[in-house]
Amino acid sequence: MPAAALKPKPLPTQSTAKRPVQLDLPYVPVQKRPLPPGRPREWYITHNRRLKAMRLAIALLDSGVYMPNQARDETIRSTAQLIGVHPPSDTTCHMVRALLRYTR
């Protein structure tokens, strides 16, 4: 019998979702690069909205919010204030919840 078959199965890891974890401050954003020229204005708006939604989703995951139903608009906006970005619109909040939904 192989040695690996004799080892007991490891216990499942404990989740930190029972209590929120503080964000590591100060938050330092990544260095900005210029966007490619010649695109329609709507492309730039959507691109920046997606970047903001990703930043917020990462910050929420770091603070212990893992499910979209835990991420209410107030929670997302308070996280935005905590990490130093402008308050997100309703559309951006919706995108943040969608990112949390699709990470599962």
N, C-alpha and C. Protein backbone atom coordinates (compact mmCIF):
# COMPACT_ATOMS: atom_id res chain seq x y z
N MET A 1 0.85 -1.17 0.00
CA MET A 1 0.00 0.00 0.00
C MET A 1 0.90 1.24 0.00
N PRO A 2 0.61 2.23 -0.85
CA PRO A 2 1.44 3.44 -0.89
C PRO A 2 1.37 4.21 0.43
N ALA A 3 2.46 4.91 0.73
CA ALA A 3 2.53 5.67 1.98
C ALA A 3 1.50 6.78 2.02
N ALA A 4 1.15 7.35 0.87
CA ALA A 4 0.17 8.43 0.83
C ALA A 4 -1.21 7.95 1.25
N ALA A 5 -1.51 6.69 1.01
CA ALA A 5 -2.82 6.15 1.36
C ALA A 5 -2.97 5.97 2.87
N LEU A 6 -1.86 5.89 3.60
CA LEU A 6 -1.92 5.70 5.04
C LEU A 6 -2.14 6.99 5.81
N LYS A 7 -1.87 8.14 5.18
CA LYS A 7 -2.03 9.43 5.87
C LYS A 7 -3.51 9.76 6.03
N PRO A 8 -3.89 10.27 7.20
CA PRO A 8 -5.30 10.66 7.37
C PRO A 8 -5.61 11.91 6.56
N LYS A 9 -6.86 12.02 6.20
CA LYS A 9 -7.30 13.18 5.44
C LYS A 9 -7.24 14.42 6.34
N PRO A 10 -6.69 15.55 5.84
CA PRO A 10 -6.60 16.74 6.69
C PRO A 10 -7.97 17.32 6.99
N LEU A 11 -8.09 17.95 8.14
CA LEU A 11 -9.35 18.59 8.50
C LEU A 11 -9.57 19.83 7.66
N PRO A 12 -10.82 20.18 7.38
CA PRO A 12 -11.06 21.40 6.60
C PRO A 12 -10.59 22.62 7.39
N THR A 13 -10.12 23.62 6.68
CA THR A 13 -9.61 24.82 7.34
C THR A 13 -10.76 25.67 7.85
N GLN A 14 -10.49 26.42 8.89
CA GLN A 14 -11.49 27.31 9.47
C GLN A 14 -11.57 28.58 8.65
N SER A 15 -12.74 29.09 8.44
CA SER A 15 -12.94 30.33 7.70
C SER A 15 -12.86 31.51 8.66
N THR A 16 -12.42 32.64 8.15
CA THR A 16 -12.38 33.87 8.96
C THR A 16 -13.67 34.66 8.79
N ALA A 17 -14.67 34.08 8.14
CA ALA A 17 -15.91 34.80 7.88
C ALA A 17 -16.72 35.06 9.15
N LYS A 18 -16.38 34.38 10.25
CA LYS A 18 -17.14 34.58 11.48
C LYS A 18 -16.91 35.96 12.07
N ARG A 19 -15.77 36.52 11.83
CA ARG A 19 -15.50 37.88 12.29
C ARG A 19 -14.69 38.60 11.22
N PRO A 20 -14.97 39.88 11.00
CA PRO A 20 -14.25 40.60 9.95
C PRO A 20 -12.78 40.81 10.31
N VAL A 21 -11.96 40.84 9.29
CA VAL A 21 -10.54 41.06 9.47
C VAL A 21 -10.23 42.49 9.05
N GLN A 22 -9.45 43.20 9.84
CA GLN A 22 -9.09 44.56 9.51
C GLN A 22 -8.21 44.60 8.27
N LEU A 23 -8.40 45.63 7.45
CA LEU A 23 -7.56 45.80 6.27
C LEU A 23 -6.18 46.24 6.70
N ASP A 24 -5.18 45.82 5.95
CA ASP A 24 -3.83 46.30 6.20
C ASP A 24 -3.73 47.72 5.67
N LEU A 25 -3.57 48.66 6.56
CA LEU A 25 -3.45 50.06 6.16
C LEU A 25 -2.01 50.48 6.30
N PRO A 26 -1.47 51.39 5.57
CA PRO A 26 -2.16 52.17 4.55
C PRO A 26 -2.28 51.41 3.23
N TYR A 27 -3.36 51.65 2.55
CA TYR A 27 -3.61 51.06 1.25
C TYR A 27 -2.82 51.84 0.21
N VAL A 28 -2.01 51.17 -0.57
CA VAL A 28 -1.21 51.84 -1.59
C VAL A 28 -1.70 51.35 -2.95
N PRO A 29 -2.28 52.24 -3.76
CA PRO A 29 -2.76 51.80 -5.08
C PRO A 29 -1.59 51.50 -6.01
N VAL A 30 -1.87 50.69 -7.02
CA VAL A 30 -0.84 50.37 -8.00
C VAL A 30 -0.52 51.61 -8.82
N GLN A 31 0.67 51.62 -9.41
CA GLN A 31 1.08 52.77 -10.20
C GLN A 31 0.23 52.84 -11.47
N LYS A 32 -0.27 54.03 -11.76
CA LYS A 32 -1.16 54.20 -12.91
C LYS A 32 -0.36 54.30 -14.20
N ARG A 33 -0.92 53.73 -15.24
CA ARG A 33 -0.33 53.83 -16.57
C ARG A 33 -1.32 54.54 -17.47
N PRO A 34 -0.85 55.24 -18.49
CA PRO A 34 -1.79 55.91 -19.39
C PRO A 34 -2.63 54.90 -20.16
N LEU A 35 -3.90 55.26 -20.36
CA LEU A 35 -4.79 54.39 -21.12
C LEU A 35 -4.53 54.56 -22.61
N PRO A 36 -4.85 53.55 -23.41
CA PRO A 36 -4.59 53.67 -24.85
C PRO A 36 -5.46 54.74 -25.49
N PRO A 37 -4.88 55.57 -26.35
CA PRO A 37 -5.67 56.65 -26.98
C PRO A 37 -6.55 56.13 -28.11
N GLY A 38 -7.55 56.92 -28.47
CA GLY A 38 -8.37 56.63 -29.64
C GLY A 38 -9.59 55.77 -29.39
N ARG A 39 -9.90 55.47 -28.16
CA ARG A 39 -11.10 54.67 -27.88
C ARG A 39 -12.28 55.60 -27.63
N PRO A 40 -13.50 55.10 -27.78
CA PRO A 40 -14.67 55.92 -27.45
C PRO A 40 -14.74 56.23 -25.95
N ARG A 41 -15.34 57.34 -25.61
CA ARG A 41 -15.42 57.76 -24.21
C ARG A 41 -16.06 56.69 -23.33
N GLU A 42 -17.08 56.02 -23.84
CA GLU A 42 -17.78 54.98 -23.07
C GLU A 42 -16.83 53.86 -22.66
N TRP A 43 -15.84 53.54 -23.50
CA TRP A 43 -14.87 52.50 -23.16
C TRP A 43 -14.07 52.89 -21.93
N TYR A 44 -13.62 54.15 -21.86
CA TYR A 44 -12.84 54.62 -20.71
C TYR A 44 -13.67 54.61 -19.43
N ILE A 45 -14.94 55.00 -19.53
CA ILE A 45 -15.83 55.00 -18.37
C ILE A 45 -16.00 53.58 -17.85
N THR A 46 -16.28 52.65 -18.74
CA THR A 46 -16.48 51.25 -18.35
C THR A 46 -15.20 50.65 -17.79
N HIS A 47 -14.08 50.97 -18.41
CA HIS A 47 -12.79 50.44 -17.95
C HIS A 47 -12.49 50.89 -16.53
N ASN A 48 -12.64 52.18 -16.27
CA ASN A 48 -12.36 52.71 -14.93
C ASN A 48 -13.35 52.16 -13.91
N ARG A 49 -14.60 51.97 -14.32
CA ARG A 49 -15.61 51.40 -13.41
C ARG A 49 -15.24 49.97 -13.04
N ARG A 50 -14.77 49.20 -14.01
CA ARG A 50 -14.35 47.82 -13.73
C ARG A 50 -13.16 47.78 -12.78
N LEU A 51 -12.19 48.68 -12.99
CA LEU A 51 -11.03 48.72 -12.10
C LEU A 51 -11.46 49.06 -10.67
N LYS A 52 -12.36 50.02 -10.53
CA LYS A 52 -12.83 50.41 -9.20
C LYS A 52 -13.58 49.24 -8.55
N ALA A 53 -14.41 48.55 -9.33
CA ALA A 53 -15.16 47.42 -8.80
C ALA A 53 -14.21 46.31 -8.34
N MET A 54 -13.14 46.08 -9.10
CA MET A 54 -12.18 45.05 -8.69
C MET A 54 -11.46 45.45 -7.41
N ARG A 55 -11.06 46.71 -7.30
CA ARG A 55 -10.40 47.17 -6.07
C ARG A 55 -11.31 47.00 -4.86
N LEU A 56 -12.57 47.37 -5.04
CA LEU A 56 -13.53 47.25 -3.94
C LEU A 56 -13.80 45.79 -3.59
N ALA A 57 -13.91 44.93 -4.59
CA ALA A 57 -14.16 43.52 -4.32
C ALA A 57 -12.98 42.91 -3.56
N ILE A 58 -11.76 43.27 -3.92
CA ILE A 58 -10.59 42.76 -3.21
C ILE A 58 -10.58 43.25 -1.78
N ALA A 59 -10.89 44.53 -1.57
CA ALA A 59 -10.92 45.08 -0.21
C ALA A 59 -12.01 44.42 0.62
N LEU A 60 -13.16 44.14 0.02
CA LEU A 60 -14.24 43.45 0.75
C LEU A 60 -13.82 42.03 1.12
N LEU A 61 -13.19 41.33 0.19
CA LEU A 61 -12.73 39.97 0.49
C LEU A 61 -11.69 40.00 1.61
N ASP A 62 -10.81 41.00 1.60
CA ASP A 62 -9.81 41.12 2.67
C ASP A 62 -10.45 41.40 4.02
N SER A 63 -11.61 42.07 4.01
CA SER A 63 -12.26 42.41 5.27
C SER A 63 -13.24 41.34 5.75
N GLY A 64 -13.38 40.25 4.99
CA GLY A 64 -14.22 39.14 5.44
C GLY A 64 -15.59 39.07 4.81
N VAL A 65 -15.87 39.88 3.80
CA VAL A 65 -17.15 39.83 3.09
C VAL A 65 -16.95 38.93 1.88
N TYR A 66 -17.54 37.74 1.92
CA TYR A 66 -17.31 36.76 0.86
C TYR A 66 -18.54 36.52 -0.02
N MET A 67 -19.71 36.86 0.46
CA MET A 67 -20.94 36.57 -0.28
C MET A 67 -21.56 37.87 -0.78
N PRO A 68 -22.17 37.84 -1.96
CA PRO A 68 -22.78 39.06 -2.49
C PRO A 68 -23.89 39.62 -1.60
N ASN A 69 -24.62 38.75 -0.89
CA ASN A 69 -25.70 39.26 -0.04
C ASN A 69 -25.17 39.95 1.20
N GLN A 70 -23.87 39.77 1.52
CA GLN A 70 -23.25 40.51 2.62
C GLN A 70 -22.81 41.90 2.19
N ALA A 71 -22.66 42.11 0.89
CA ALA A 71 -22.12 43.36 0.36
C ALA A 71 -23.27 44.29 -0.04
N ARG A 72 -23.85 44.95 0.95
CA ARG A 72 -24.88 45.93 0.65
C ARG A 72 -24.21 47.22 0.19
N ASP A 73 -24.99 48.11 -0.39
CA ASP A 73 -24.43 49.37 -0.91
C ASP A 73 -23.69 50.14 0.18
N GLU A 74 -24.24 50.15 1.39
CA GLU A 74 -23.60 50.89 2.49
C GLU A 74 -22.24 50.29 2.82
N THR A 75 -22.16 48.96 2.81
CA THR A 75 -20.90 48.29 3.10
C THR A 75 -19.85 48.61 2.04
N ILE A 76 -20.27 48.57 0.79
CA ILE A 76 -19.34 48.85 -0.31
C ILE A 76 -18.87 50.30 -0.24
N ARG A 77 -19.78 51.21 0.03
CA ARG A 77 -19.41 52.63 0.08
C ARG A 77 -18.52 52.94 1.28
N SER A 78 -18.76 52.28 2.41
CA SER A 78 -17.88 52.51 3.56
C SER A 78 -16.50 51.93 3.31
N THR A 79 -16.42 50.81 2.59
CA THR A 79 -15.12 50.25 2.22
C THR A 79 -14.39 51.17 1.26
N ALA A 80 -15.13 51.78 0.34
CA ALA A 80 -14.52 52.74 -0.59
C ALA A 80 -13.92 53.91 0.17
N GLN A 81 -14.64 54.39 1.16
CA GLN A 81 -14.12 55.49 1.97
C GLN A 81 -12.89 55.05 2.74
N LEU A 82 -12.89 53.81 3.23
CA LEU A 82 -11.77 53.29 4.00
C LEU A 82 -10.49 53.18 3.17
N ILE A 83 -10.62 52.74 1.91
CA ILE A 83 -9.43 52.58 1.08
C ILE A 83 -9.10 53.83 0.28
N GLY A 84 -9.94 54.86 0.37
CA GLY A 84 -9.61 56.14 -0.24
C GLY A 84 -10.00 56.31 -1.68
N VAL A 85 -11.10 55.69 -2.12
CA VAL A 85 -11.60 55.93 -3.47
C VAL A 85 -12.95 56.63 -3.37
N HIS A 86 -13.33 57.30 -4.45
CA HIS A 86 -14.61 58.01 -4.45
C HIS A 86 -15.77 57.04 -4.25
N PRO A 87 -16.84 57.49 -3.62
CA PRO A 87 -17.99 56.59 -3.40
C PRO A 87 -18.51 56.04 -4.74
N PRO A 88 -18.75 54.74 -4.80
CA PRO A 88 -19.19 54.13 -6.05
C PRO A 88 -20.67 54.39 -6.32
N SER A 89 -21.01 54.36 -7.60
CA SER A 89 -22.41 54.51 -8.00
C SER A 89 -23.15 53.20 -7.76
N ASP A 90 -24.46 53.22 -7.97
CA ASP A 90 -25.25 52.00 -7.84
C ASP A 90 -24.79 50.94 -8.84
N THR A 91 -24.41 51.39 -10.06
CA THR A 91 -23.94 50.45 -11.08
C THR A 91 -22.65 49.78 -10.64
N THR A 92 -21.73 50.55 -10.06
CA THR A 92 -20.47 49.98 -9.60
C THR A 92 -20.70 49.02 -8.45
N CYS A 93 -21.61 49.35 -7.54
CA CYS A 93 -21.94 48.43 -6.44
C CYS A 93 -22.48 47.11 -6.99
N HIS A 94 -23.30 47.20 -8.02
CA HIS A 94 -23.83 46.00 -8.66
C HIS A 94 -22.70 45.16 -9.26
N MET A 95 -21.71 45.83 -9.87
CA MET A 95 -20.57 45.12 -10.45
C MET A 95 -19.73 44.44 -9.36
N VAL A 96 -19.59 45.10 -8.21
CA VAL A 96 -18.84 44.51 -7.10
C VAL A 96 -19.52 43.22 -6.65
N ARG A 97 -20.84 43.26 -6.50
CA ARG A 97 -21.56 42.05 -6.09
C ARG A 97 -21.44 40.96 -7.14
N ALA A 98 -21.43 41.34 -8.42
CA ALA A 98 -21.27 40.34 -9.48
C ALA A 98 -19.88 39.70 -9.41
N LEU A 99 -18.85 40.50 -9.11
CA LEU A 99 -17.51 39.93 -8.97
C LEU A 99 -17.45 38.96 -7.78
N LEU A 100 -18.09 39.31 -6.69
CA LEU A 100 -18.11 38.40 -5.53
C LEU A 100 -18.86 37.11 -5.88
N ARG A 101 -19.91 37.23 -6.67
CA ARG A 101 -20.70 36.06 -7.05
C ARG A 101 -19.89 35.11 -7.92
N TYR A 102 -19.12 35.65 -8.86
CA TYR A 102 -18.42 34.79 -9.82
C TYR A 102 -17.09 34.28 -9.30
N THR A 103 -16.65 34.70 -8.11
CA THR A 103 -15.42 34.15 -7.57
C THR A 103 -15.64 32.82 -6.89
N ARG A 104 -16.89 32.42 -6.69
CA ARG A 104 -17.20 31.17 -6.00
C ARG A 104 -17.13 30.00 -6.92
